[in-house]
Structure formats: structure tokens, C-alpha cells
Amino acid sequence: MLSWSSQETEQRINLLPIAEGSGDPLLPGGSELIDFVNVTLAGNGISAARNAVADTIGPAAAVDAAAVIGNFEMMNRIADGVGMPVGAGTRTSMAGIIRELRLDGFPHA
């Protein structure tokens, strides 16, 4: 979704820092958003990271970011829980991003 929306809005983006969990993805508040995701998933330091996001891109965007984190966690848990495989068509259409993010080293269901 992020790669598609960046094309639609003509926003330059570097997906590698997002996959690696650190760095500048070339998005407004991108580094702060990456930190917010990391500490939210780790379960500690959330207040400081949330405040950094709110200070950088605004309180409403911080709420949106928290909602996106929660939604992705929910979707991943459901997909993992039911053993949903990544389809061959998805792997084909996303081949460039899979290579760029070095995801092809992970086992697939």
C-alpha cells in the first residue's frame, strides 16, 4: 500500500529503512514513525515515541499511525493463525519490493 500511495502522490520513499526498522524513509516524520512502530511492538517507550510523532506530524496523524499499527498487527495475527500462504501472484506482482526489502530470504507457507 505504501509503495502504491507514494506513486499516486508522487512522494519519494525509501522502503529499506522501513523494512530494516531504522533510518530515513524520506517521508515527513518517517524516522519518528519507524521508532513509534518499533517501540509499540516492543511494548516499552511508547509515550515518548507517540509524542515525537505528534510533535513532528501532528496529533491526528499520531492517532492514524497508532490505528495503522494496530490494524497490521491484527491482520498479521489472523493470517498467521489460519496459516494463510502468500500467493504466487502476489509474490510475482511484488517481486521488486520483495527483492528491495530482502524478504525473499524468509520461508513462505
N, C-alpha and C. Protein backbone atom coordinates (compact mmCIF):
# COMPACT_ATOMS: atom_id res chain seq x y z
N MET A 1 0.81 -1.19 0.00
CA MET A 1 0.00 0.00 0.00
C MET A 1 0.86 1.26 0.00
N LEU A 2 1.91 1.26 0.81
CA LEU A 2 2.74 2.45 0.90
C LEU A 2 3.44 2.75 -0.42
N SER A 3 3.93 1.72 -1.08
CA SER A 3 4.59 1.96 -2.37
C SER A 3 3.58 2.49 -3.39
N TRP A 4 2.35 1.99 -3.37
CA TRP A 4 1.31 2.47 -4.29
C TRP A 4 0.94 3.91 -3.97
N SER A 5 0.70 4.20 -2.70
CA SER A 5 0.29 5.57 -2.36
C SER A 5 1.40 6.57 -2.63
N SER A 6 2.65 6.17 -2.48
CA SER A 6 3.75 7.09 -2.79
C SER A 6 3.80 7.39 -4.28
N GLN A 7 3.45 6.42 -5.11
CA GLN A 7 3.40 6.67 -6.55
C GLN A 7 2.24 7.60 -6.89
N GLU A 8 1.11 7.38 -6.26
CA GLU A 8 -0.07 8.20 -6.53
C GLU A 8 0.13 9.66 -6.11
N THR A 9 0.84 9.87 -5.01
CA THR A 9 1.05 11.22 -4.50
C THR A 9 2.38 11.81 -4.96
N GLU A 10 3.14 11.02 -5.72
CA GLU A 10 4.47 11.42 -6.19
C GLU A 10 5.41 11.76 -5.03
N GLN A 11 5.23 11.09 -3.91
CA GLN A 11 6.08 11.24 -2.73
C GLN A 11 7.23 10.25 -2.84
N ARG A 12 8.46 10.75 -2.87
CA ARG A 12 9.61 9.85 -2.88
C ARG A 12 9.62 9.06 -1.58
N ILE A 13 10.03 7.82 -1.66
CA ILE A 13 10.08 6.97 -0.47
C ILE A 13 11.22 5.97 -0.62
N ASN A 14 11.82 5.67 0.50
CA ASN A 14 12.85 4.63 0.57
C ASN A 14 12.29 3.55 1.49
N LEU A 15 11.91 2.41 0.93
CA LEU A 15 11.28 1.36 1.72
C LEU A 15 12.27 0.59 2.60
N LEU A 16 13.55 0.61 2.27
CA LEU A 16 14.52 -0.18 3.01
C LEU A 16 14.58 0.20 4.50
N PRO A 17 14.62 1.49 4.87
CA PRO A 17 14.61 1.79 6.31
C PRO A 17 13.37 1.27 7.02
N ILE A 18 12.26 1.22 6.31
CA ILE A 18 11.04 0.69 6.93
C ILE A 18 11.21 -0.80 7.21
N ALA A 19 11.77 -1.52 6.25
CA ALA A 19 11.99 -2.96 6.44
C ALA A 19 13.05 -3.23 7.50
N GLU A 20 14.09 -2.40 7.54
CA GLU A 20 15.18 -2.60 8.49
C GLU A 20 14.85 -2.08 9.88
N GLY A 21 13.86 -1.20 9.98
CA GLY A 21 13.45 -0.69 11.29
C GLY A 21 14.22 0.52 11.77
N SER A 22 15.00 1.14 10.90
CA SER A 22 15.70 2.37 11.27
C SER A 22 16.13 3.10 10.01
N GLY A 23 16.33 4.40 10.16
CA GLY A 23 16.77 5.20 9.03
C GLY A 23 15.69 6.17 8.59
N ASP A 24 15.95 6.85 7.49
CA ASP A 24 15.04 7.86 6.97
C ASP A 24 14.36 7.34 5.71
N PRO A 25 13.05 7.07 5.79
CA PRO A 25 12.33 6.58 4.61
C PRO A 25 11.93 7.69 3.63
N LEU A 26 12.38 8.91 3.88
CA LEU A 26 12.09 10.08 3.03
C LEU A 26 10.65 10.55 3.15
N LEU A 27 9.98 10.20 4.21
CA LEU A 27 8.61 10.64 4.48
C LEU A 27 8.63 11.68 5.59
N PRO A 28 7.71 12.63 5.57
CA PRO A 28 7.62 13.56 6.70
C PRO A 28 7.40 12.79 8.00
N GLY A 29 8.27 12.98 8.96
CA GLY A 29 8.17 12.27 10.23
C GLY A 29 8.49 10.79 10.12
N GLY A 30 9.11 10.37 9.04
CA GLY A 30 9.36 8.95 8.79
C GLY A 30 10.19 8.27 9.86
N SER A 31 11.26 8.90 10.29
CA SER A 31 12.11 8.29 11.33
C SER A 31 11.33 8.15 12.63
N GLU A 32 10.55 9.17 12.97
CA GLU A 32 9.74 9.11 14.19
C GLU A 32 8.67 8.02 14.08
N LEU A 33 8.10 7.86 12.89
CA LEU A 33 7.10 6.80 12.70
C LEU A 33 7.73 5.41 12.84
N ILE A 34 8.93 5.24 12.29
CA ILE A 34 9.61 3.95 12.44
C ILE A 34 9.88 3.67 13.91
N ASP A 35 10.36 4.66 14.65
CA ASP A 35 10.60 4.48 16.08
C ASP A 35 9.30 4.13 16.81
N PHE A 36 8.21 4.79 16.43
CA PHE A 36 6.91 4.53 17.06
C PHE A 36 6.48 3.08 16.83
N VAL A 37 6.63 2.60 15.62
CA VAL A 37 6.30 1.20 15.34
C VAL A 37 7.17 0.28 16.18
N ASN A 38 8.47 0.51 16.19
CA ASN A 38 9.39 -0.36 16.93
C ASN A 38 9.05 -0.44 18.41
N VAL A 39 8.85 0.72 19.05
CA VAL A 39 8.57 0.68 20.49
C VAL A 39 7.17 0.17 20.79
N THR A 40 6.23 0.40 19.89
CA THR A 40 4.88 -0.13 20.10
C THR A 40 4.92 -1.66 20.08
N LEU A 41 5.64 -2.22 19.13
CA LEU A 41 5.73 -3.68 19.05
C LEU A 41 6.55 -4.26 20.20
N ALA A 42 7.54 -3.50 20.67
CA ALA A 42 8.37 -3.96 21.79
C ALA A 42 7.64 -3.80 23.12
N GLY A 43 6.72 -2.84 23.19
CA GLY A 43 5.92 -2.67 24.39
C GLY A 43 6.50 -1.73 25.43
N ASN A 44 7.54 -0.99 25.10
CA ASN A 44 8.06 -0.03 26.07
C ASN A 44 8.54 1.24 25.36
N GLY A 45 8.42 2.37 26.05
CA GLY A 45 8.82 3.64 25.46
C GLY A 45 7.77 4.24 24.54
N ILE A 46 6.55 3.76 24.64
CA ILE A 46 5.51 4.18 23.70
C ILE A 46 5.18 5.67 23.84
N SER A 47 5.09 6.17 25.07
CA SER A 47 4.70 7.57 25.27
C SER A 47 5.64 8.53 24.58
N ALA A 48 6.94 8.34 24.76
CA ALA A 48 7.92 9.24 24.15
C ALA A 48 7.86 9.17 22.63
N ALA A 49 7.73 7.97 22.09
CA ALA A 49 7.68 7.82 20.63
C ALA A 49 6.39 8.41 20.07
N ARG A 50 5.28 8.18 20.75
CA ARG A 50 4.00 8.76 20.32
C ARG A 50 4.06 10.28 20.34
N ASN A 51 4.66 10.84 21.39
CA ASN A 51 4.78 12.29 21.48
C ASN A 51 5.68 12.84 20.38
N ALA A 52 6.74 12.11 20.03
CA ALA A 52 7.62 12.55 18.95
C ALA A 52 6.88 12.59 17.61
N VAL A 53 6.04 11.57 17.37
CA VAL A 53 5.22 11.56 16.15
C VAL A 53 4.25 12.73 16.16
N ALA A 54 3.57 12.93 17.28
CA ALA A 54 2.59 14.02 17.38
C ALA A 54 3.25 15.38 17.20
N ASP A 55 4.44 15.54 17.77
CA ASP A 55 5.17 16.80 17.64
C ASP A 55 5.62 17.04 16.20
N THR A 56 5.95 15.96 15.48
CA THR A 56 6.50 16.09 14.14
C THR A 56 5.42 16.23 13.07
N ILE A 57 4.40 15.40 13.13
CA ILE A 57 3.39 15.42 12.06
C ILE A 57 1.98 15.69 12.55
N GLY A 58 1.83 15.93 13.86
CA GLY A 58 0.53 16.33 14.40
C GLY A 58 -0.17 15.22 15.16
N PRO A 59 -1.00 15.61 16.13
CA PRO A 59 -1.71 14.63 16.96
C PRO A 59 -2.65 13.73 16.17
N ALA A 60 -3.35 14.27 15.18
CA ALA A 60 -4.27 13.44 14.39
C ALA A 60 -3.50 12.37 13.62
N ALA A 61 -2.34 12.73 13.10
CA ALA A 61 -1.52 11.74 12.37
C ALA A 61 -0.97 10.69 13.33
N ALA A 62 -0.69 11.07 14.58
CA ALA A 62 -0.23 10.09 15.56
C ALA A 62 -1.33 9.06 15.84
N VAL A 63 -2.57 9.53 15.93
CA VAL A 63 -3.71 8.62 16.12
C VAL A 63 -3.83 7.70 14.90
N ASP A 64 -3.72 8.26 13.70
CA ASP A 64 -3.77 7.45 12.48
C ASP A 64 -2.67 6.40 12.48
N ALA A 65 -1.46 6.80 12.86
CA ALA A 65 -0.33 5.86 12.89
C ALA A 65 -0.60 4.73 13.86
N ALA A 66 -1.12 5.05 15.04
CA ALA A 66 -1.44 4.00 16.03
C ALA A 66 -2.49 3.05 15.48
N ALA A 67 -3.48 3.59 14.76
CA ALA A 67 -4.52 2.75 14.18
C ALA A 67 -3.95 1.82 13.11
N VAL A 68 -3.03 2.33 12.30
CA VAL A 68 -2.41 1.50 11.26
C VAL A 68 -1.58 0.39 11.89
N ILE A 69 -0.81 0.73 12.94
CA ILE A 69 -0.02 -0.30 13.63
C ILE A 69 -0.94 -1.39 14.16
N GLY A 70 -2.02 -1.00 14.83
CA GLY A 70 -2.96 -1.98 15.37
C GLY A 70 -3.60 -2.82 14.30
N ASN A 71 -3.97 -2.20 13.18
CA ASN A 71 -4.61 -2.94 12.10
C ASN A 71 -3.65 -3.96 11.49
N PHE A 72 -2.41 -3.56 11.24
CA PHE A 72 -1.46 -4.51 10.67
C PHE A 72 -1.17 -5.66 11.62
N GLU A 73 -1.06 -5.37 12.91
CA GLU A 73 -0.85 -6.44 13.88
C GLU A 73 -2.02 -7.42 13.85
N MET A 74 -3.24 -6.88 13.79
CA MET A 74 -4.43 -7.73 13.74
C MET A 74 -4.44 -8.59 12.49
N MET A 75 -4.17 -7.96 11.33
CA MET A 75 -4.19 -8.71 10.07
C MET A 75 -3.12 -9.80 10.06
N ASN A 76 -1.92 -9.48 10.54
CA ASN A 76 -0.85 -10.47 10.56
C ASN A 76 -1.17 -11.63 11.49
N ARG A 77 -1.74 -11.35 12.63
CA ARG A 77 -2.10 -12.43 13.57
C ARG A 77 -3.17 -13.34 12.99
N ILE A 78 -4.14 -12.76 12.32
CA ILE A 78 -5.19 -13.57 11.70
C ILE A 78 -4.59 -14.43 10.58
N ALA A 79 -3.78 -13.81 9.71
CA ALA A 79 -3.18 -14.55 8.60
C ALA A 79 -2.28 -15.68 9.12
N ASP A 80 -1.48 -15.38 10.13
CA ASP A 80 -0.62 -16.42 10.71
C ASP A 80 -1.45 -17.51 11.38
N GLY A 81 -2.51 -17.09 12.08
CA GLY A 81 -3.34 -18.05 12.82
C GLY A 81 -4.05 -19.04 11.93
N VAL A 82 -4.43 -18.61 10.74
CA VAL A 82 -5.14 -19.52 9.84
C VAL A 82 -4.18 -20.17 8.84
N GLY A 83 -2.90 -19.82 8.92
CA GLY A 83 -1.92 -20.42 8.01
C GLY A 83 -2.05 -19.96 6.58
N MET A 84 -2.47 -18.72 6.38
CA MET A 84 -2.69 -18.19 5.04
C MET A 84 -1.37 -18.00 4.29
N PRO A 85 -1.19 -18.69 3.18
CA PRO A 85 0.04 -18.53 2.42
C PRO A 85 0.01 -17.26 1.56
N VAL A 86 1.20 -16.79 1.23
CA VAL A 86 1.31 -15.69 0.28
C VAL A 86 1.22 -16.30 -1.11
N GLY A 87 0.25 -15.88 -1.89
CA GLY A 87 0.02 -16.47 -3.20
C GLY A 87 1.12 -16.17 -4.20
N ALA A 88 1.26 -17.03 -5.18
CA ALA A 88 2.27 -16.87 -6.22
C ALA A 88 2.05 -15.58 -7.01
N GLY A 89 0.80 -15.22 -7.25
CA GLY A 89 0.51 -13.98 -7.98
C GLY A 89 0.97 -12.76 -7.21
N THR A 90 0.78 -12.78 -5.90
CA THR A 90 1.24 -11.67 -5.07
C THR A 90 2.76 -11.60 -5.09
N ARG A 91 3.41 -12.75 -4.96
CA ARG A 91 4.88 -12.75 -4.98
C ARG A 91 5.39 -12.25 -6.33
N THR A 92 4.71 -12.58 -7.42
CA THR A 92 5.13 -12.13 -8.75
C THR A 92 4.94 -10.62 -8.88
N SER A 93 3.76 -10.13 -8.52
CA SER A 93 3.49 -8.70 -8.68
C SER A 93 4.31 -7.84 -7.73
N MET A 94 4.74 -8.41 -6.63
CA MET A 94 5.50 -7.65 -5.64
C MET A 94 6.99 -8.00 -5.68
N ALA A 95 7.45 -8.67 -6.74
CA ALA A 95 8.83 -9.17 -6.81
C ALA A 95 9.87 -8.08 -6.57
N GLY A 96 9.66 -6.92 -7.16
CA GLY A 96 10.63 -5.83 -6.99
C GLY A 96 10.74 -5.39 -5.55
N ILE A 97 9.61 -5.23 -4.89
CA ILE A 97 9.63 -4.81 -3.49
C ILE A 97 10.19 -5.92 -2.61
N ILE A 98 9.85 -7.16 -2.90
CA ILE A 98 10.37 -8.29 -2.14
C ILE A 98 11.89 -8.32 -2.21
N ARG A 99 12.44 -8.10 -3.41
CA ARG A 99 13.91 -8.06 -3.56
C ARG A 99 14.50 -6.86 -2.83
N GLU A 100 13.88 -5.69 -3.02
CA GLU A 100 14.39 -4.46 -2.41
C GLU A 100 14.44 -4.56 -0.89
N LEU A 101 13.44 -5.18 -0.31
CA LEU A 101 13.37 -5.30 1.16
C LEU A 101 14.03 -6.57 1.66
N ARG A 102 14.57 -7.34 0.74
CA ARG A 102 15.28 -8.59 1.08
C ARG A 102 14.38 -9.58 1.83
N LEU A 103 13.11 -9.65 1.39
CA LEU A 103 12.16 -10.55 2.02
C LEU A 103 12.20 -11.95 1.45
N ASP A 104 12.91 -12.12 0.33
CA ASP A 104 12.93 -13.44 -0.30
C ASP A 104 13.73 -14.47 0.49
N GLY A 105 14.41 -14.05 1.54
CA GLY A 105 15.13 -14.99 2.39
C GLY A 105 14.27 -15.63 3.45
N PHE A 106 13.03 -15.16 3.59
CA PHE A 106 12.13 -15.72 4.60
C PHE A 106 11.38 -16.92 4.02
N PRO A 107 11.13 -17.95 4.82
CA PRO A 107 10.36 -19.08 4.31
C PRO A 107 8.91 -18.67 4.08
N HIS A 108 8.30 -19.23 3.06
CA HIS A 108 6.90 -18.95 2.75
C HIS A 108 6.08 -20.18 3.02
N ALA A 109 4.84 -19.94 3.42
CA ALA A 109 3.92 -21.06 3.69
C ALA A 109 3.52 -21.69 2.37
